[in-house]
Amino acid sequence: MTGLTAGGGYVVRRHPDLLASARVERTVPAAVPSARPAATAAPTPVPVAGRVPPGISYPARGGGGFRTADTVGAVAGRSGELLRYRVAVEDGIRNLDVERFAREVAATLADRRGWTGDGRWRLQRVGRDGPADFTVLLTTPVTRGELCDDPSDRYTSCRNGDRVVINMARWVYGVPHVPDLDLYRQYLLNHEVGHRLGRGHERCPRSGGPAPVMVQQTLGLHGCAPNAWPLVGGEPLAGPSGQYDDPIPAGDH
């Protein structure tokens, strides 16, 4: 939800293994096909607070190590600067397959409505050994606070340097004002990756219209409608630079 600058300043071309600083373990899961944009499906409703979907569980603080997705994907986008990314899930998050999560990430980032749709960027998912420009980490709420240099916030997600930190609590529960959980997850990934691409926060440009993806939709919509995508109707959607003074909810959900 926030775009932070890492104190150490990660530079991928000098430090190709971004996961070492986050204690990511190198695992070798079975190979799966490259991700493709997901077909439109019925919306997944946001779970009622306090009820995690069956089979998935996570502690407030995970083990600190990470399981890394191993599959290399195709390059998404027809032109523009190429950035490579890795995907990992924190230890302690149970019954959530790292390869499945990585496919969801790849499907969102490869969608033609996303950051690769206007020809400015190309994105490619790499495996455990390839050099990466950033890493998407699915973490427990306490680890989110540590990696984002903001221990008091266990609610939002963030980008900190070359880490795109997705809070497991938001991945499971979403937010009450965005009833479609799938749409919210797509927004969450596009928003935080947008920070890695150099985009700052924006405000709602028109009441009743779609929210630009760089609006902090996790905290409020301010008259806009929920929207997960940088491109709407084939054109980039942006709002005035800035952010709202919305309070961050206590706890993680």
Protein backbone atom coordinates (compact mmCIF):
# COMPACT_ATOMS: atom_id res chain seq x y z
CA MET A 1 0.00 0.00 0.00
CA THR A 2 2.94 2.25 0.57
CA GLY A 3 5.95 2.91 -1.62
CA LEU A 4 9.07 3.01 0.53
CA THR A 5 12.72 3.41 -0.28
CA ALA A 6 14.92 0.72 1.21
CA GLY A 7 17.61 2.05 3.51
CA GLY A 8 20.31 -0.03 1.81
CA GLY A 9 19.16 0.67 -1.73
CA TYR A 10 19.01 -2.68 -3.50
CA VAL A 11 20.51 -2.59 -7.00
CA VAL A 12 19.74 -5.75 -8.90
CA ARG A 13 22.53 -5.56 -11.38
CA ARG A 14 25.04 -5.54 -8.53
CA HIS A 15 23.14 -7.88 -6.25
CA PRO A 16 21.29 -10.45 -8.40
CA ASP A 17 20.08 -12.58 -5.47
CA LEU A 18 17.53 -10.31 -3.80
CA LEU A 19 16.17 -13.11 -1.66
CA ALA A 20 19.33 -13.65 0.35
CA SER A 21 18.69 -10.56 2.47
CA ALA A 22 15.17 -11.79 3.23
CA ARG A 23 16.36 -15.31 4.15
CA VAL A 24 14.61 -16.97 1.26
CA GLU A 25 15.18 -20.68 0.95
CA ARG A 26 15.82 -22.14 -2.50
CA THR A 27 13.34 -24.93 -3.18
CA VAL A 28 12.76 -26.93 -6.34
CA PRO A 29 9.04 -27.63 -6.85
CA ALA A 30 7.68 -29.54 -9.82
CA ALA A 31 7.59 -27.67 -13.12
CA VAL A 32 4.29 -26.14 -14.23
CA PRO A 33 3.24 -24.42 -17.48
CA SER A 34 3.87 -20.70 -17.89
CA ALA A 35 1.09 -18.46 -16.61
CA ARG A 36 -1.46 -16.94 -18.99
CA PRO A 37 -4.01 -14.23 -18.22
CA ALA A 38 -6.89 -15.78 -16.32
CA ALA A 39 -10.32 -16.03 -17.94
CA THR A 40 -13.15 -13.98 -16.47
CA ALA A 41 -14.90 -15.87 -13.67
CA ALA A 42 -17.55 -15.21 -11.06
CA PRO A 43 -16.27 -12.84 -8.34
CA THR A 44 -14.83 -14.43 -5.21
CA PRO A 45 -16.51 -12.77 -2.22
CA VAL A 46 -14.40 -11.25 0.53
CA PRO A 47 -14.35 -13.58 3.58
CA VAL A 48 -16.08 -12.48 6.76
CA ALA A 49 -13.53 -11.06 9.19
CA GLY A 50 -12.24 -13.80 11.47
CA ARG A 51 -12.92 -16.61 8.99
CA VAL A 52 -10.01 -17.80 6.88
CA PRO A 53 -10.89 -19.89 3.78
CA PRO A 54 -10.77 -23.64 4.50
CA GLY A 55 -7.29 -25.14 4.57
CA ILE A 56 -5.32 -21.89 4.62
CA SER A 57 -3.75 -20.77 7.86
CA TYR A 58 -0.99 -18.41 8.89
CA PRO A 59 0.47 -17.05 12.15
CA ALA A 60 0.94 -13.37 12.92
CA ARG A 61 4.67 -13.92 12.49
CA GLY A 62 6.06 -16.50 10.07
CA GLY A 63 9.37 -18.29 10.11
CA GLY A 64 11.24 -15.56 8.23
CA GLY A 65 12.46 -17.92 5.52
CA PHE A 66 10.74 -18.19 2.16
CA ARG A 67 9.83 -20.89 -0.37
CA THR A 68 10.69 -19.79 -3.88
CA ALA A 69 8.69 -20.51 -7.02
CA ASP A 70 10.92 -22.15 -9.60
CA THR A 71 9.11 -21.86 -12.93
CA VAL A 72 10.35 -19.38 -15.55
CA GLY A 73 7.57 -17.62 -17.45
CA ALA A 74 7.32 -16.03 -20.87
CA VAL A 75 8.05 -12.33 -21.34
CA ALA A 76 4.83 -10.31 -21.02
CA GLY A 77 4.56 -7.16 -23.11
CA ARG A 78 5.46 -6.27 -26.67
CA SER A 79 8.04 -3.54 -26.04
CA GLY A 80 9.68 -1.40 -23.40
CA GLU A 81 12.20 -1.99 -20.62
CA LEU A 82 12.39 -5.59 -19.41
CA LEU A 83 12.22 -6.25 -15.67
CA ARG A 84 12.50 -9.75 -14.23
CA TYR A 85 10.86 -10.76 -10.96
CA ARG A 86 10.92 -13.68 -8.57
CA VAL A 87 8.05 -14.91 -6.35
CA ALA A 88 8.29 -16.42 -2.85
CA VAL A 89 5.98 -17.32 0.06
CA GLU A 90 7.01 -17.07 3.71
CA ASP A 91 7.41 -20.18 5.84
CA GLY A 92 4.49 -20.62 8.25
CA ILE A 93 1.82 -19.83 5.65
CA ARG A 94 0.20 -23.24 5.34
CA ASN A 95 -1.73 -24.88 2.50
CA LEU A 96 -0.88 -22.14 0.03
CA ASP A 97 1.20 -23.50 -2.82
CA VAL A 98 4.04 -21.22 -3.88
CA GLU A 99 3.74 -22.20 -7.55
CA ARG A 100 0.02 -21.50 -7.59
CA PHE A 101 0.56 -18.10 -5.99
CA ALA A 102 3.30 -17.38 -8.53
CA ARG A 103 0.93 -18.23 -11.37
CA GLU A 104 -1.63 -15.78 -9.99
CA VAL A 105 1.03 -13.09 -9.78
CA ALA A 106 2.19 -13.82 -13.34
CA ALA A 107 -1.36 -13.82 -14.72
CA THR A 108 -2.03 -10.39 -13.24
CA LEU A 109 1.26 -8.89 -14.40
CA ALA A 110 0.84 -10.34 -17.92
CA ASP A 111 -2.72 -9.06 -18.38
CA ARG A 112 -3.12 -6.60 -21.26
CA ARG A 113 -4.87 -4.18 -18.90
CA GLY A 114 -1.75 -4.13 -16.71
CA TRP A 115 1.63 -2.44 -16.73
CA THR A 116 2.78 -4.26 -19.87
CA GLY A 117 -0.26 -3.19 -21.92
CA ASP A 118 0.92 0.17 -23.24
CA GLY A 119 4.36 -0.83 -24.51
CA ARG A 120 6.39 0.88 -21.81
CA TRP A 121 7.31 -2.21 -19.77
CA ARG A 122 7.94 -5.89 -20.26
CA LEU A 123 7.86 -8.27 -17.29
CA GLN A 124 9.11 -11.84 -16.91
CA ARG A 125 8.91 -14.25 -13.99
CA VAL A 126 12.19 -16.02 -13.28
CA GLY A 127 12.99 -19.02 -11.10
CA ARG A 128 15.17 -19.54 -8.09
CA ASP A 129 18.54 -19.05 -9.80
CA GLY A 130 17.96 -16.36 -12.42
CA PRO A 131 18.85 -12.69 -11.79
CA ALA A 132 15.83 -10.62 -10.80
CA ASP A 133 15.04 -6.91 -10.68
CA PHE A 134 12.50 -7.31 -7.90
CA THR A 135 10.88 -9.98 -5.75
CA VAL A 136 7.21 -10.44 -4.89
CA LEU A 137 7.02 -11.75 -1.32
CA LEU A 138 3.82 -13.06 0.31
CA THR A 139 4.38 -12.56 4.04
CA THR A 140 2.71 -12.79 7.42
CA PRO A 141 1.58 -9.47 8.98
CA VAL A 142 4.51 -9.09 11.42
CA THR A 143 7.07 -9.91 8.75
CA ARG A 144 5.36 -7.35 6.50
CA GLY A 145 6.08 -4.72 9.15
CA GLU A 146 9.72 -5.74 9.38
CA LEU A 147 10.37 -5.85 5.62
CA CYS A 148 8.55 -2.54 5.11
CA ASP A 149 10.46 -0.82 7.94
CA ASP A 150 7.14 -0.05 9.63
CA PRO A 151 6.51 -2.55 12.47
CA SER A 152 3.34 -0.79 13.66
CA ASP A 153 1.50 -1.49 10.38
CA ARG A 154 0.27 -5.07 10.06
CA TYR A 155 -2.60 -4.18 7.74
CA THR A 156 -1.31 -2.82 4.44
CA SER A 157 1.24 -4.10 1.92
CA CYS A 158 4.22 -2.17 0.58
CA ARG A 159 7.10 -1.84 -1.81
CA ASN A 160 10.47 -1.34 -0.15
CA GLY A 161 13.39 -1.10 -2.56
CA ASP A 162 13.28 -4.21 -4.73
CA ARG A 163 10.86 -6.00 -2.42
CA VAL A 164 7.18 -6.01 -3.30
CA VAL A 165 5.66 -7.15 0.01
CA ILE A 166 2.14 -8.58 -0.10
CA ASN A 167 0.49 -8.96 3.29
CA MET A 168 -1.09 -12.41 3.68
CA ALA A 169 -3.92 -10.89 5.74
CA ARG A 170 -4.99 -8.73 2.81
CA TRP A 171 -4.55 -11.61 0.35
CA VAL A 172 -6.96 -13.72 2.44
CA TYR A 173 -9.43 -11.12 3.72
CA GLY A 174 -9.26 -8.31 1.19
CA VAL A 175 -10.96 -5.11 2.39
CA PRO A 176 -14.66 -4.57 3.19
CA HIS A 177 -15.25 -1.81 0.61
CA VAL A 178 -14.03 -3.96 -2.32
CA PRO A 179 -16.41 -6.94 -2.31
CA ASP A 180 -14.69 -8.84 -5.16
CA LEU A 181 -11.63 -10.55 -3.64
CA ASP A 182 -10.12 -11.49 -7.01
CA LEU A 183 -10.33 -7.88 -8.20
CA TYR A 184 -8.77 -6.69 -4.95
CA ARG A 185 -5.86 -9.12 -5.27
CA GLN A 186 -5.20 -7.92 -8.83
CA TYR A 187 -5.28 -4.34 -7.60
CA LEU A 188 -2.92 -5.16 -4.73
CA LEU A 189 -0.30 -6.66 -7.04
CA ASN A 190 -0.58 -3.91 -9.65
CA HIS A 191 -0.45 -1.15 -7.05
CA GLU A 192 2.69 -2.38 -5.29
CA VAL A 193 4.46 -3.32 -8.53
CA GLY A 194 3.48 0.14 -9.78
CA HIS A 195 5.60 1.61 -7.00
CA ARG A 196 8.53 -0.53 -8.18
CA LEU A 197 8.01 0.94 -11.64
CA GLY A 198 8.35 4.42 -10.21
CA ARG A 199 4.72 5.41 -9.72
CA GLY A 200 3.59 7.36 -6.66
CA HIS A 201 0.19 7.58 -5.00
CA GLU A 202 -2.71 9.27 -6.77
CA ARG A 203 -6.14 10.62 -5.84
CA CYS A 204 -9.59 9.92 -7.24
CA PRO A 205 -10.03 12.09 -10.37
CA ARG A 206 -13.80 11.83 -10.74
CA SER A 207 -16.54 10.71 -8.34
CA GLY A 208 -18.26 7.59 -9.65
CA GLY A 209 -15.45 6.79 -12.10
CA PRO A 210 -12.90 4.00 -11.75
CA ALA A 211 -10.11 4.55 -9.27
CA PRO A 212 -6.61 4.78 -10.76
CA VAL A 213 -4.61 1.78 -9.62
CA MET A 214 -2.22 4.03 -7.68
CA VAL A 215 -5.01 5.27 -5.40
CA GLN A 216 -4.61 3.65 -1.96
CA GLN A 217 -7.75 1.58 -2.44
CA THR A 218 -6.90 -0.61 0.54
CA LEU A 219 -7.71 2.33 2.81
CA GLY A 220 -10.51 4.05 0.90
CA LEU A 221 -12.04 4.89 -2.48
CA HIS A 222 -13.03 8.55 -1.94
CA GLY A 223 -15.90 8.48 -4.41
CA CYS A 224 -14.22 6.33 -7.04
CA ALA A 225 -15.21 2.75 -7.90
CA PRO A 226 -12.77 -0.13 -7.30
CA ASN A 227 -10.40 -0.80 -10.18
CA ALA A 228 -7.48 -3.21 -10.45
CA TRP A 229 -5.85 -2.09 -13.68
CA PRO A 230 -3.47 0.64 -14.89
CA LEU A 231 -5.27 0.68 -18.28
CA VAL A 232 -9.03 1.22 -18.52
CA GLY A 233 -10.66 0.96 -21.93
CA GLY A 234 -7.23 0.46 -23.45
CA GLU A 235 -5.90 3.79 -22.14
CA PRO A 236 -3.75 4.58 -19.06
CA LEU A 237 -5.83 5.90 -16.16
CA ALA A 238 -4.18 8.33 -13.76
CA GLY A 239 -5.34 10.77 -11.12
CA PRO A 240 -3.85 13.83 -9.43
CA SER A 241 -0.64 13.11 -7.57
CA GLY A 242 -1.09 12.76 -3.81
CA GLN A 243 -2.76 10.64 -1.16
CA TYR A 244 -5.46 10.85 1.46
CA ASP A 245 -4.98 10.96 5.20
CA ASP A 246 -6.83 7.71 5.79
CA PRO A 247 -6.18 5.91 9.10
CA ILE A 248 -4.58 2.46 8.96
CA PRO A 249 -6.78 -0.06 10.79
CA ALA A 250 -5.30 -1.61 13.90
CA GLY A 251 -4.32 -5.26 13.72
CA ASP A 252 -4.33 -7.11 10.44
CA HIS A 253 -8.07 -7.55 9.80
